[in-house]
Amino acid sequence: MRLFLLKTAFTLAVLQAAAGGALAQGTLRIGMTASDIPLTTGQTDNGGEGQRFMGYTVYDALINWDLSSATKPSDLAPGLALSWGLDPADAGKTKWLFKLRPGVKFHDGSEFTAESVVWNLDKLLKTDAPQFDPRQSAQGKSRIPAVASYRAIDPLTLEIVTKSPDATLPYQLAWILMSSPANWEKLGKSWEAVAKAPSGTGPWKLTGFVPRERAELVPNPDYWDKARVPKLDKMVLIPLPEANARVAALRSGQVDWIEAPAPDAVKSLTSAGFKIVTNAYPHNWTWHLSRAEGSPWNDIRVRKAANLAIDREGMKELLSGMMIPAEGFFPPGHQWFGKPSFKLGYKPEEAKKLLKEAGFTPEKPLVTKILISPSGSGQMQPLPMNEFVQQNLADVGIKVDFEVVEWNQLINIWRAGAKDASARGGTGMNYTYFIQDPFTGFIRHLQCNLAPPAGTNWGYYCDPEMDKLFDQVRNTFDPKEQTAILQKIHEKYVDDALFLMVTHDVNPRAMNAKVKGFVQAQNWFQDFSPITMDK
């Protein structure tokens, strides 16, 4: 406790120093869950939170997300590409054409063209390109496994060819952000220099940052979408990985908005006049299970027993109601849910029976290690939640030890795979997932040839039957037919208990009543452009 208080005191002292010039009308200060400022050069780190605060603010993708509504699911929307689709002359359905938005300029004044896109894809995919950046490649390469080749046809027309027909390409490209080639050249072809003075095409400009302390962004008045030119004078991002430190900063007036408030503080924050904003969004909170040789999770009885051991309603009480109990990998009622036969629920006696068949009892437990983080994007309240799961599993005969690592480190371990030395013998990791589209929701986790280093199939799962379903999704361009296949995939996810499926977040944020105009989209990402601050 003394260590926590010292850390909190230090954090608040930093905030007070940072707030000196941040009290003017129109400045919004946000306490993030990240422990550091996300990578600023284009492809952000720190998971979805990095993309939220340093991705779609400073940069654009060819295809963006529509973040304008709180009442309907987000869908893809034109970004730097006005339109896209398969080349009608290509019978193989692998050639895509993108018509780019004319007149777009980077923050440094240089023009955005099809050659800019080629340059940005090279920085991620071509190790011999002068602008290749290992840090950005680590964040972006695995997002676009479909891409085989690309070229500029003319200044405003781009061609991308996929390795095989792939209807999920537009969703993949929504992750790839465009930074300025001219700015990189101007700054001595140094990504380290670009990090301090980045240039994108987005609605916000980064004017400066101090690692682990703050970043300051101001509006881009020349943004191509005039309706989304920010109304604020400034937005300040402050890393506050500890939930109680975030709450303390909000109460003391050092920030105006915090991500993921501590659940036990919600009632008192509301009573004190702060707003709690929530919304359903495509999220799940799971344990990703290793299927490497020797992993106990290779036994379906163990996987099912773990899923039947979790008291999800008890966890909901722990979180002051701010969760949706999992009935599968996707939330109940989702269009891809289907009709799985395995029903998740709190059935400890049934769990004990399955474990006994597998050779384990509370007296002779299965002993294993799980990797977890103390905070992070979408991780909700990972320490108390994992302790709750740990106790549930111990009650039925699964003894779990935790290896606690910082969130960005956990992401690196996830990309490295369960067999890598960095996993430290862990047979699972607590990881939250963005599940907004077929690729990020399903395919990247379990396709055989996307095991590390080719992708993020962390657990090395491989099932030819599942791969056939994934191939069908890629080759099905009709939305209704694709939905039917995705339902079959979800049924297999649940019936084979491929993850420990625990809960779905409701994306809670706490903010000062002075914050006006925010619309919380049903998405991991949010639009900060409409926000204003009352005096």
Protein backbone atom coordinates (compact mmCIF):
# COMPACT_ATOMS: atom_id res chain seq x y z
CA MET A 1 0.00 0.00 0.00
CA ARG A 2 2.82 2.43 0.86
CA LEU A 3 4.41 1.77 -2.55
CA PHE A 4 1.07 2.48 -4.28
CA LEU A 5 0.63 5.75 -2.39
CA LEU A 6 4.15 6.85 -3.32
CA LYS A 7 3.50 6.03 -6.96
CA THR A 8 0.20 7.89 -6.91
CA ALA A 9 1.79 10.93 -5.25
CA PHE A 10 4.51 10.98 -7.89
CA THR A 11 1.96 10.66 -10.69
CA LEU A 12 -0.14 13.52 -9.37
CA ALA A 13 2.97 15.69 -9.00
CA VAL A 14 3.77 15.06 -12.66
CA LEU A 15 0.19 15.93 -13.59
CA GLN A 16 0.30 19.18 -11.64
CA ALA A 17 3.49 20.14 -13.45
CA ALA A 18 1.95 19.22 -16.82
CA ALA A 19 -1.29 21.05 -16.08
CA GLY A 20 0.26 24.48 -15.78
CA GLY A 21 -0.43 25.32 -19.42
CA ALA A 22 -3.38 22.97 -19.81
CA LEU A 23 -6.11 24.78 -17.93
CA ALA A 24 -7.29 27.05 -20.74
CA GLN A 25 -10.83 26.73 -22.09
CA GLY A 26 -11.02 24.01 -24.69
CA THR A 27 -8.30 21.71 -23.33
CA LEU A 28 -9.21 18.09 -22.59
CA ARG A 29 -6.87 15.99 -20.42
CA ILE A 30 -7.29 12.21 -20.62
CA GLY A 31 -5.89 9.57 -18.26
CA MET A 32 -5.07 6.48 -20.34
CA THR A 33 -4.57 2.93 -19.05
CA ALA A 34 -1.29 2.64 -20.97
CA SER A 35 1.95 3.02 -19.05
CA ASP A 36 3.60 5.02 -21.82
CA ILE A 37 2.79 7.27 -24.76
CA PRO A 38 1.99 5.02 -27.75
CA LEU A 39 4.48 4.87 -30.61
CA THR A 40 4.05 8.11 -32.59
CA THR A 41 5.51 7.27 -36.01
CA GLY A 42 2.37 5.77 -37.63
CA GLN A 43 1.77 2.15 -36.61
CA THR A 44 1.12 2.53 -32.90
CA ASP A 45 1.93 0.10 -30.10
CA ASN A 46 -0.02 -0.34 -26.83
CA GLY A 47 -2.79 -2.31 -28.53
CA GLY A 48 -6.18 -0.80 -29.34
CA GLU A 49 -5.63 2.09 -26.94
CA GLY A 50 -2.53 3.13 -28.87
CA GLN A 51 -4.53 3.12 -32.10
CA ARG A 52 -7.36 5.05 -30.39
CA PHE A 53 -5.23 7.89 -29.02
CA MET A 54 -2.18 8.09 -31.30
CA GLY A 55 -3.44 6.30 -34.42
CA TYR A 56 -6.75 7.61 -35.72
CA THR A 57 -5.99 11.02 -34.21
CA VAL A 58 -2.72 11.90 -35.98
CA TYR A 59 -3.16 9.52 -38.92
CA ASP A 60 -5.68 8.04 -41.34
CA ALA A 61 -5.97 4.66 -43.02
CA LEU A 62 -7.17 4.06 -46.55
CA ILE A 63 -10.35 2.82 -44.89
CA ASN A 64 -11.51 4.30 -41.57
CA TRP A 65 -14.24 3.37 -39.10
CA ASP A 66 -17.53 5.29 -38.86
CA LEU A 67 -17.47 6.42 -35.22
CA SER A 68 -20.43 8.82 -35.41
CA SER A 69 -23.15 6.77 -33.70
CA ALA A 70 -23.66 5.35 -30.22
CA THR A 71 -26.77 3.40 -31.21
CA LYS A 72 -25.63 1.29 -34.15
CA PRO A 73 -22.58 -0.94 -34.72
CA SER A 74 -19.61 0.77 -36.39
CA ASP A 75 -18.86 -0.10 -39.98
CA LEU A 76 -16.08 0.70 -42.41
CA ALA A 77 -16.10 4.13 -44.04
CA PRO A 78 -14.04 5.87 -46.72
CA GLY A 79 -10.80 7.30 -45.38
CA LEU A 80 -7.92 8.19 -47.66
CA ALA A 81 -9.58 5.93 -50.23
CA LEU A 82 -12.88 7.24 -51.63
CA SER A 83 -13.85 3.80 -52.93
CA TRP A 84 -12.48 0.27 -53.30
CA GLY A 85 -13.42 -3.07 -54.76
CA LEU A 86 -12.34 -6.04 -56.82
CA ASP A 87 -11.11 -5.34 -60.32
CA PRO A 88 -14.06 -6.51 -62.49
CA ALA A 89 -11.59 -7.72 -65.13
CA ASP A 90 -9.88 -10.11 -62.67
CA ALA A 91 -11.59 -13.52 -62.74
CA GLY A 92 -9.31 -14.72 -59.93
CA LYS A 93 -10.77 -12.19 -57.47
CA THR A 94 -7.37 -11.24 -56.07
CA LYS A 95 -6.88 -7.79 -57.63
CA TRP A 96 -8.33 -4.80 -55.77
CA LEU A 97 -8.50 -1.19 -56.99
CA PHE A 98 -8.58 1.82 -54.65
CA LYS A 99 -9.57 5.29 -55.80
CA LEU A 100 -7.81 7.76 -53.52
CA ARG A 101 -9.08 11.04 -52.14
CA PRO A 102 -7.71 14.04 -54.07
CA GLY A 103 -6.25 17.12 -52.42
CA VAL A 104 -5.18 15.48 -49.15
CA LYS A 105 -2.01 16.84 -47.56
CA PHE A 106 0.14 15.55 -44.74
CA HIS A 107 0.72 17.83 -41.75
CA ASP A 108 4.07 18.89 -43.24
CA GLY A 109 2.31 20.14 -46.39
CA SER A 110 3.35 17.34 -48.74
CA GLU A 111 0.74 15.63 -50.91
CA PHE A 112 -0.81 12.23 -50.25
CA THR A 113 -0.77 10.01 -53.37
CA ALA A 114 -0.78 6.35 -54.35
CA GLU A 115 3.02 6.42 -54.14
CA SER A 116 2.63 7.45 -50.48
CA VAL A 117 0.68 4.25 -49.86
CA VAL A 118 3.31 2.12 -51.60
CA TRP A 119 6.00 3.79 -49.48
CA ASN A 120 4.03 3.09 -46.27
CA LEU A 121 3.43 -0.55 -47.15
CA ASP A 122 7.13 -0.93 -47.94
CA LYS A 123 8.04 0.45 -44.50
CA LEU A 124 6.13 -2.52 -42.99
CA LEU A 125 6.71 -5.34 -45.46
CA LYS A 126 10.03 -4.87 -47.28
CA THR A 127 13.03 -5.39 -45.04
CA ASP A 128 15.39 -4.04 -47.72
CA ALA A 129 13.47 -0.79 -48.19
CA PRO A 130 15.36 2.28 -46.90
CA GLN A 131 12.30 3.29 -44.85
CA PHE A 132 11.67 -0.19 -43.37
CA ASP A 133 11.01 0.24 -39.64
CA PRO A 134 11.17 -2.88 -37.43
CA ARG A 135 9.06 -1.26 -34.69
CA GLN A 136 6.24 -0.30 -37.02
CA SER A 137 6.52 -3.57 -38.92
CA ALA A 138 6.06 -5.49 -35.66
CA GLN A 139 2.77 -3.64 -35.16
CA GLY A 140 1.45 -3.66 -38.74
CA LYS A 141 2.76 -6.61 -40.75
CA SER A 142 0.58 -9.22 -39.04
CA ARG A 143 -2.49 -7.05 -39.70
CA ILE A 144 -2.26 -7.49 -43.49
CA PRO A 145 -1.39 -11.15 -44.21
CA ALA A 146 -3.50 -11.13 -47.39
CA VAL A 147 -1.28 -8.63 -49.21
CA ALA A 148 0.93 -10.15 -51.93
CA SER A 149 1.83 -7.06 -53.98
CA TYR A 150 0.84 -3.45 -54.58
CA ARG A 151 1.56 -0.64 -57.00
CA ALA A 152 0.53 2.87 -57.91
CA ILE A 153 -1.34 2.90 -61.22
CA ASP A 154 -1.58 6.69 -61.25
CA PRO A 155 -1.39 9.37 -58.52
CA LEU A 156 -4.92 8.59 -57.28
CA THR A 157 -5.29 4.88 -58.15
CA LEU A 158 -3.76 2.05 -56.14
CA GLU A 159 -3.74 -1.65 -56.93
CA ILE A 160 -3.36 -4.32 -54.23
CA VAL A 161 -3.14 -8.01 -55.14
CA THR A 162 -3.92 -10.61 -52.47
CA LYS A 163 -2.26 -14.01 -52.13
CA SER A 164 -5.65 -15.66 -52.72
CA PRO A 165 -9.22 -14.35 -52.81
CA ASP A 166 -9.82 -12.55 -49.52
CA ALA A 167 -13.03 -10.68 -48.74
CA THR A 168 -11.55 -9.47 -45.44
CA LEU A 169 -8.90 -7.22 -47.04
CA PRO A 170 -10.75 -3.93 -46.35
CA TYR A 171 -10.86 -4.75 -42.62
CA GLN A 172 -7.14 -5.52 -42.62
CA LEU A 173 -6.27 -2.23 -44.30
CA ALA A 174 -8.23 -0.25 -41.71
CA TRP A 175 -5.30 -0.94 -39.33
CA ILE A 176 -2.61 0.48 -41.64
CA LEU A 177 -1.91 4.18 -41.03
CA MET A 178 -0.19 6.55 -43.45
CA SER A 179 2.80 8.65 -42.38
CA SER A 180 4.55 11.24 -44.56
CA PRO A 181 7.44 10.08 -46.79
CA ALA A 182 8.55 13.71 -47.25
CA ASN A 183 8.73 14.25 -43.47
CA TRP A 184 10.91 11.13 -43.09
CA GLU A 185 13.23 12.44 -45.83
CA LYS A 186 13.34 15.92 -44.30
CA LEU A 187 14.25 14.53 -40.87
CA GLY A 188 17.31 12.70 -42.13
CA LYS A 189 15.57 9.40 -42.90
CA SER A 190 15.44 8.73 -39.15
CA TRP A 191 12.37 7.20 -37.53
CA GLU A 192 13.73 8.33 -34.18
CA ALA A 193 13.58 11.92 -35.42
CA VAL A 194 10.11 11.34 -36.92
CA ALA A 195 8.87 10.12 -33.53
CA LYS A 196 9.54 13.59 -32.13
CA ALA A 197 7.93 15.43 -35.07
CA PRO A 198 5.51 13.05 -36.81
CA SER A 199 3.37 13.94 -39.82
CA GLY A 200 0.14 12.20 -40.76
CA THR A 201 -3.03 13.29 -42.51
CA GLY A 202 -5.28 12.99 -39.44
CA PRO A 203 -7.50 15.53 -37.66
CA TRP A 204 -4.93 16.11 -34.89
CA LYS A 205 -1.29 17.17 -34.92
CA LEU A 206 1.15 15.98 -32.26
CA THR A 207 3.01 19.04 -30.94
CA GLY A 208 5.19 17.28 -28.39
CA PHE A 209 5.43 14.53 -25.82
CA VAL A 210 7.44 13.36 -22.85
CA PRO A 211 7.73 9.56 -22.61
CA ARG A 212 5.66 8.09 -19.76
CA GLU A 213 4.35 11.56 -18.84
CA ARG A 214 2.18 13.22 -21.50
CA ALA A 215 1.52 13.97 -25.16
CA GLU A 216 -0.11 17.12 -26.51
CA LEU A 217 -2.22 17.26 -29.67
CA VAL A 218 -3.82 20.25 -31.40
CA PRO A 219 -6.37 20.43 -34.24
CA ASN A 220 -5.38 20.14 -37.88
CA PRO A 221 -7.40 23.03 -39.36
CA ASP A 222 -6.70 21.79 -42.89
CA TYR A 223 -8.12 18.31 -42.31
CA TRP A 224 -9.81 16.94 -45.43
CA ASP A 225 -13.06 16.13 -43.60
CA LYS A 226 -14.18 19.59 -42.47
CA ALA A 227 -16.94 18.11 -40.29
CA ARG A 228 -14.25 16.39 -38.22
CA VAL A 229 -11.87 19.28 -37.63
CA PRO A 230 -11.53 19.14 -33.81
CA LYS A 231 -13.37 21.75 -31.77
CA LEU A 232 -11.01 21.60 -28.79
CA ASP A 233 -7.95 23.85 -28.50
CA LYS A 234 -5.81 20.99 -27.26
CA MET A 235 -5.95 17.37 -26.11
CA VAL A 236 -3.44 16.08 -23.55
CA LEU A 237 -2.83 12.35 -23.11
CA ILE A 238 -1.45 11.15 -19.76
CA PRO A 239 -0.38 7.53 -19.04
CA LEU A 240 -1.97 6.33 -15.77
CA PRO A 241 -1.85 2.52 -15.71
CA GLU A 242 -3.20 2.13 -12.15
CA ALA A 243 -6.98 2.41 -11.86
CA ASN A 244 -6.90 4.08 -8.45
CA ALA A 245 -4.35 6.63 -9.67
CA ARG A 246 -6.69 7.47 -12.56
CA VAL A 247 -9.60 7.97 -10.18
CA ALA A 248 -7.48 10.15 -7.87
CA ALA A 249 -6.38 12.28 -10.81
CA LEU A 250 -9.99 12.77 -11.93
CA ARG A 251 -11.21 13.66 -8.44
CA SER A 252 -8.43 16.18 -7.91
CA GLY A 253 -9.06 17.90 -11.24
CA GLN A 254 -5.72 16.91 -12.77
CA VAL A 255 -7.52 15.19 -15.68
CA ASP A 256 -10.98 15.59 -17.15
CA TRP A 257 -11.53 12.05 -18.40
CA ILE A 258 -10.26 8.59 -17.47
CA GLU A 259 -10.42 5.26 -19.21
CA ALA A 260 -11.60 2.20 -17.25
CA PRO A 261 -12.38 3.69 -13.81
CA ALA A 262 -12.02 1.39 -10.81
CA PRO A 263 -15.44 -0.33 -10.44
CA ASP A 264 -15.66 0.31 -6.68
CA ALA A 265 -15.29 4.04 -7.35
CA VAL A 266 -18.14 4.35 -9.86
CA LYS A 267 -20.92 5.04 -7.37
CA SER A 268 -18.98 7.71 -5.49
CA LEU A 269 -17.82 9.33 -8.75
CA THR A 270 -21.43 9.55 -9.92
CA SER A 271 -22.48 11.02 -6.59
CA ALA A 272 -19.74 13.64 -6.93
CA GLY A 273 -21.13 14.78 -10.28
CA PHE A 274 -18.85 12.91 -12.68
CA LYS A 275 -20.34 11.19 -15.73
CA ILE A 276 -19.90 7.46 -16.34
CA VAL A 277 -20.25 6.67 -20.05
CA THR A 278 -20.60 3.07 -21.25
CA ASN A 279 -21.62 1.21 -24.39
CA ALA A 280 -21.48 -2.30 -25.77
CA TYR A 281 -18.68 -2.85 -28.25
CA PRO A 282 -16.95 -5.79 -29.99
CA HIS A 283 -14.70 -6.94 -27.17
CA ASN A 284 -13.92 -10.09 -25.28
CA TRP A 285 -11.84 -10.83 -22.20
CA THR A 286 -10.33 -14.29 -22.51
CA TRP A 287 -7.50 -16.55 -21.68
CA HIS A 288 -5.79 -17.52 -24.95
CA LEU A 289 -4.75 -21.14 -24.44
CA SER A 290 -1.55 -22.78 -25.66
CA ARG A 291 -1.95 -25.85 -27.83
CA ALA A 292 1.76 -26.55 -28.01
CA GLU A 293 2.95 -30.04 -27.15
CA GLY A 294 2.63 -30.73 -23.43
CA SER A 295 0.02 -28.05 -22.75
CA PRO A 296 -2.79 -29.26 -20.44
CA TRP A 297 -5.23 -27.30 -22.62
CA ASN A 298 -4.86 -29.87 -25.40
CA ASP A 299 -7.44 -31.93 -23.49
CA ILE A 300 -10.96 -30.72 -24.35
CA ARG A 301 -12.18 -31.95 -20.95
CA VAL A 302 -9.81 -29.52 -19.23
CA ARG A 303 -10.85 -26.65 -21.51
CA LYS A 304 -14.54 -27.29 -20.94
CA ALA A 305 -14.05 -27.73 -17.19
CA ALA A 306 -12.33 -24.34 -16.94
CA ASN A 307 -15.19 -22.68 -18.83
CA LEU A 308 -17.73 -24.30 -16.50
CA ALA A 309 -15.82 -23.24 -13.36
CA ILE A 310 -16.21 -19.47 -13.82
CA ASP A 311 -18.81 -17.63 -11.76
CA ARG A 312 -19.47 -14.90 -14.31
CA GLU A 313 -22.34 -13.37 -12.35
CA GLY A 314 -20.03 -13.12 -9.34
CA MET A 315 -17.48 -11.33 -11.50
CA LYS A 316 -20.20 -8.97 -12.70
CA GLU A 317 -20.86 -8.06 -9.07
CA LEU A 318 -17.10 -7.53 -8.57
CA LEU A 319 -17.15 -5.08 -11.49
CA SER A 320 -20.21 -3.17 -10.25
CA GLY A 321 -22.23 -4.52 -13.15
CA MET A 322 -19.89 -3.15 -15.83
CA MET A 323 -19.59 -6.28 -17.98
CA ILE A 324 -21.59 -8.67 -20.15
CA PRO A 325 -21.11 -12.31 -19.04
CA ALA A 326 -19.68 -14.44 -21.84
CA GLU A 327 -21.84 -17.08 -23.48
CA GLY A 328 -19.25 -17.56 -26.20
CA PHE A 329 -16.33 -15.87 -27.89
CA PHE A 330 -18.70 -13.23 -29.30
CA PRO A 331 -21.33 -11.47 -27.18
CA PRO A 332 -24.80 -13.01 -26.87
CA GLY A 333 -27.09 -11.75 -29.61
CA HIS A 334 -24.28 -11.04 -32.07
CA GLN A 335 -25.11 -11.85 -35.69
CA TRP A 336 -22.24 -14.35 -35.83
CA PHE A 337 -23.14 -16.17 -32.59
CA GLY A 338 -24.97 -19.11 -34.20
CA LYS A 339 -26.26 -22.00 -32.08
CA PRO A 340 -23.40 -23.64 -30.18
CA SER A 341 -24.30 -26.80 -28.26
CA PHE A 342 -21.84 -26.26 -25.38
CA LYS A 343 -23.47 -23.89 -22.91
CA LEU A 344 -21.20 -21.78 -20.73
CA GLY A 345 -22.33 -21.38 -17.15
CA TYR A 346 -21.26 -21.71 -13.53
CA LYS A 347 -21.34 -25.50 -13.10
CA PRO A 348 -18.48 -26.38 -10.72
CA GLU A 349 -19.63 -29.95 -10.07
CA GLU A 350 -19.73 -30.68 -13.78
CA ALA A 351 -16.28 -29.09 -14.07
CA LYS A 352 -14.92 -31.33 -11.29
CA LYS A 353 -16.34 -34.39 -13.06
CA LEU A 354 -14.61 -33.51 -16.32
CA LEU A 355 -11.31 -32.83 -14.54
CA LYS A 356 -11.51 -36.12 -12.65
CA GLU A 357 -11.88 -37.91 -15.99
CA ALA A 358 -8.75 -36.06 -17.11
CA GLY A 359 -6.88 -37.13 -13.95
CA PHE A 360 -7.16 -34.03 -11.76
CA THR A 361 -8.97 -33.19 -8.51
CA PRO A 362 -8.88 -30.32 -5.98
CA GLU A 363 -6.62 -32.57 -3.90
CA LYS A 364 -4.42 -33.42 -6.92
CA PRO A 365 -4.77 -30.29 -9.03
CA LEU A 366 -3.55 -29.47 -12.48
CA VAL A 367 -0.78 -26.89 -12.00
CA THR A 368 -0.10 -24.35 -14.72
CA LYS A 369 1.13 -20.81 -15.37
CA ILE A 370 -0.78 -17.96 -17.04
CA LEU A 371 0.67 -14.67 -18.31
CA ILE A 372 -1.24 -11.54 -17.28
CA SER A 373 -0.76 -7.76 -17.28
CA PRO A 374 -1.58 -5.22 -14.53
CA SER A 375 -3.33 -2.85 -16.98
CA GLY A 376 -3.77 -2.12 -20.67
CA SER A 377 -6.11 -1.44 -23.54
CA GLY A 378 -9.34 -3.39 -23.10
CA GLN A 379 -7.89 -5.37 -20.19
CA MET A 380 -10.58 -3.94 -17.86
CA GLN A 381 -9.39 -4.56 -14.27
CA PRO A 382 -7.00 -7.44 -14.93
CA LEU A 383 -5.51 -8.05 -11.48
CA PRO A 384 -8.73 -8.48 -9.44
CA MET A 385 -10.45 -10.23 -12.36
CA ASN A 386 -7.66 -12.76 -12.79
CA GLU A 387 -7.51 -13.38 -9.05
CA PHE A 388 -11.26 -14.10 -9.18
CA VAL A 389 -10.75 -16.60 -12.03
CA GLN A 390 -7.78 -18.12 -10.21
CA GLN A 391 -9.95 -18.86 -7.16
CA ASN A 392 -12.77 -20.29 -9.29
CA LEU A 393 -10.35 -22.65 -11.01
CA ALA A 394 -8.67 -23.67 -7.74
CA ASP A 395 -12.07 -24.69 -6.39
CA VAL A 396 -12.44 -27.34 -9.09
CA GLY A 397 -8.85 -28.60 -9.38
CA ILE A 398 -6.81 -26.20 -11.54
CA LYS A 399 -4.04 -24.39 -9.67
CA VAL A 400 -2.88 -21.31 -11.54
CA ASP A 401 0.30 -19.32 -10.97
CA PHE A 402 0.56 -15.92 -12.63
CA GLU A 403 3.47 -14.35 -14.47
CA VAL A 404 2.72 -10.60 -14.39
CA VAL A 405 4.27 -8.51 -17.18
CA GLU A 406 3.69 -4.97 -18.46
CA TRP A 407 0.99 -4.68 -21.16
CA ASN A 408 3.26 -3.79 -24.07
CA GLN A 409 5.54 -6.68 -23.08
CA LEU A 410 2.53 -9.02 -23.04
CA ILE A 411 1.69 -7.88 -26.59
CA ASN A 412 5.24 -8.75 -27.67
CA ILE A 413 4.93 -12.19 -26.07
CA TRP A 414 1.60 -12.68 -27.85
CA ARG A 415 3.28 -11.97 -31.17
CA ALA A 416 6.24 -14.22 -30.33
CA GLY A 417 4.05 -17.25 -29.54
CA ALA A 418 3.59 -19.76 -26.73
CA LYS A 419 6.70 -21.70 -27.76
CA ASP A 420 8.98 -18.69 -27.48
CA ALA A 421 11.28 -18.34 -24.47
CA SER A 422 9.60 -15.02 -23.65
CA ALA A 423 6.42 -16.94 -22.71
CA ARG A 424 8.37 -18.29 -19.70
CA GLY A 425 6.59 -21.63 -19.74
CA GLY A 426 3.12 -20.10 -19.64
CA THR A 427 0.33 -22.23 -21.08
CA GLY A 428 -2.08 -19.35 -21.52
CA MET A 429 -2.34 -15.59 -21.43
CA ASN A 430 -5.08 -13.20 -20.40
CA TYR A 431 -5.65 -11.13 -23.51
CA THR A 432 -8.49 -8.94 -24.67
CA TYR A 433 -9.49 -8.96 -28.30
CA PHE A 434 -10.94 -6.55 -30.81
CA ILE A 435 -13.54 -8.72 -32.56
CA GLN A 436 -15.07 -6.26 -35.00
CA ASP A 437 -14.42 -8.12 -38.24
CA PRO A 438 -13.84 -11.68 -39.53
CA PHE A 439 -10.06 -11.44 -39.61
CA THR A 440 -9.39 -9.78 -36.25
CA GLY A 441 -12.31 -11.58 -34.61
CA PHE A 442 -11.60 -15.11 -35.76
CA ILE A 443 -8.99 -15.89 -38.40
CA ARG A 444 -5.84 -14.35 -36.95
CA HIS A 445 -6.17 -16.34 -33.71
CA LEU A 446 -6.42 -19.87 -35.04
CA GLN A 447 -5.39 -20.27 -38.68
CA CYS A 448 -2.64 -22.89 -39.01
CA ASN A 449 -0.25 -20.80 -41.11
CA LEU A 450 -0.64 -17.71 -38.92
CA ALA A 451 1.34 -19.20 -36.04
CA PRO A 452 4.30 -16.98 -35.05
CA PRO A 453 6.27 -15.44 -36.63
CA ALA A 454 3.82 -15.39 -39.56
CA GLY A 455 0.93 -14.13 -37.43
CA THR A 456 -0.72 -14.06 -34.02
CA ASN A 457 -1.98 -17.62 -33.59
CA TRP A 458 -0.23 -17.48 -30.21
CA GLY A 459 -1.23 -20.95 -29.07
CA TYR A 460 -0.25 -22.82 -32.29
CA TYR A 461 -3.75 -24.22 -32.73
CA CYS A 462 -4.16 -26.05 -36.04
CA ASP A 463 -7.31 -27.78 -37.27
CA PRO A 464 -7.82 -28.43 -41.02
CA GLU A 465 -11.59 -28.27 -40.51
CA MET A 466 -11.31 -24.75 -39.07
CA ASP A 467 -8.94 -23.71 -41.86
CA LYS A 468 -11.54 -24.82 -44.45
CA LEU A 469 -14.10 -22.57 -42.78
CA PHE A 470 -11.65 -19.66 -42.81
CA ASP A 471 -11.03 -20.23 -46.53
CA GLN A 472 -14.77 -20.17 -47.15
CA VAL A 473 -15.03 -16.79 -45.43
CA ARG A 474 -12.32 -15.35 -47.65
CA ASN A 475 -13.96 -16.68 -50.80
CA THR A 476 -17.47 -15.54 -49.92
CA PHE A 477 -18.17 -11.97 -50.96
CA ASP A 478 -21.94 -12.07 -50.33
CA PRO A 479 -22.56 -10.73 -46.77
CA LYS A 480 -25.45 -13.09 -45.94
CA GLU A 481 -23.59 -16.17 -47.10
CA GLN A 482 -20.50 -15.03 -45.24
CA THR A 483 -22.53 -14.57 -42.03
CA ALA A 484 -23.71 -18.20 -42.18
CA ILE A 485 -20.10 -19.41 -42.38
CA LEU A 486 -19.04 -17.12 -39.53
CA GLN A 487 -21.79 -18.63 -37.37
CA LYS A 488 -20.36 -22.10 -38.00
CA ILE A 489 -16.92 -20.84 -37.00
CA HIS A 490 -18.26 -19.38 -33.75
CA GLU A 491 -20.10 -22.60 -32.96
CA LYS A 492 -16.80 -24.47 -33.30
CA TYR A 493 -15.01 -21.88 -31.12
CA VAL A 494 -17.54 -22.52 -28.35
CA ASP A 495 -18.23 -26.24 -28.77
CA ASP A 496 -14.50 -27.03 -28.74
CA ALA A 497 -13.94 -24.56 -25.86
CA LEU A 498 -10.97 -23.10 -27.69
CA PHE A 499 -10.53 -20.19 -25.25
CA LEU A 500 -11.41 -19.54 -21.63
CA MET A 501 -14.31 -17.20 -22.39
CA VAL A 502 -15.09 -14.96 -19.44
CA THR A 503 -16.71 -11.62 -20.23
CA HIS A 504 -17.26 -8.67 -22.55
CA ASP A 505 -16.49 -5.10 -21.53
CA VAL A 506 -18.89 -2.14 -21.73
CA ASN A 507 -16.02 0.32 -22.30
CA PRO A 508 -16.60 2.51 -19.19
CA ARG A 509 -15.18 6.01 -19.04
CA ALA A 510 -15.50 8.55 -16.26
CA MET A 511 -15.38 12.25 -17.06
CA ASN A 512 -15.96 15.70 -15.71
CA ALA A 513 -19.40 17.15 -16.43
CA LYS A 514 -17.64 19.90 -18.40
CA VAL A 515 -16.89 17.44 -21.21
CA LYS A 516 -19.54 17.96 -23.89
CA GLY A 517 -20.31 16.48 -27.30
CA PHE A 518 -18.71 13.06 -26.89
CA VAL A 519 -20.52 10.22 -28.69
CA GLN A 520 -19.30 6.82 -27.48
CA ALA A 521 -19.25 4.63 -30.58
CA GLN A 522 -19.71 0.87 -30.40
CA ASN A 523 -16.03 0.46 -31.19
CA TRP A 524 -12.60 0.25 -29.60
CA PHE A 525 -11.82 3.53 -31.33
CA GLN A 526 -13.51 6.88 -30.68
CA ASP A 527 -13.85 10.26 -32.41
CA PHE A 528 -12.56 13.15 -30.28
CA SER A 529 -13.33 15.81 -32.91
CA PRO A 530 -16.85 16.81 -31.69
CA ILE A 531 -15.82 17.31 -28.06
CA THR A 532 -15.90 20.72 -26.37
CA MET A 533 -15.22 21.82 -22.79
CA ASP A 534 -17.57 24.04 -20.78
CA LYS A 535 -16.06 26.75 -18.63
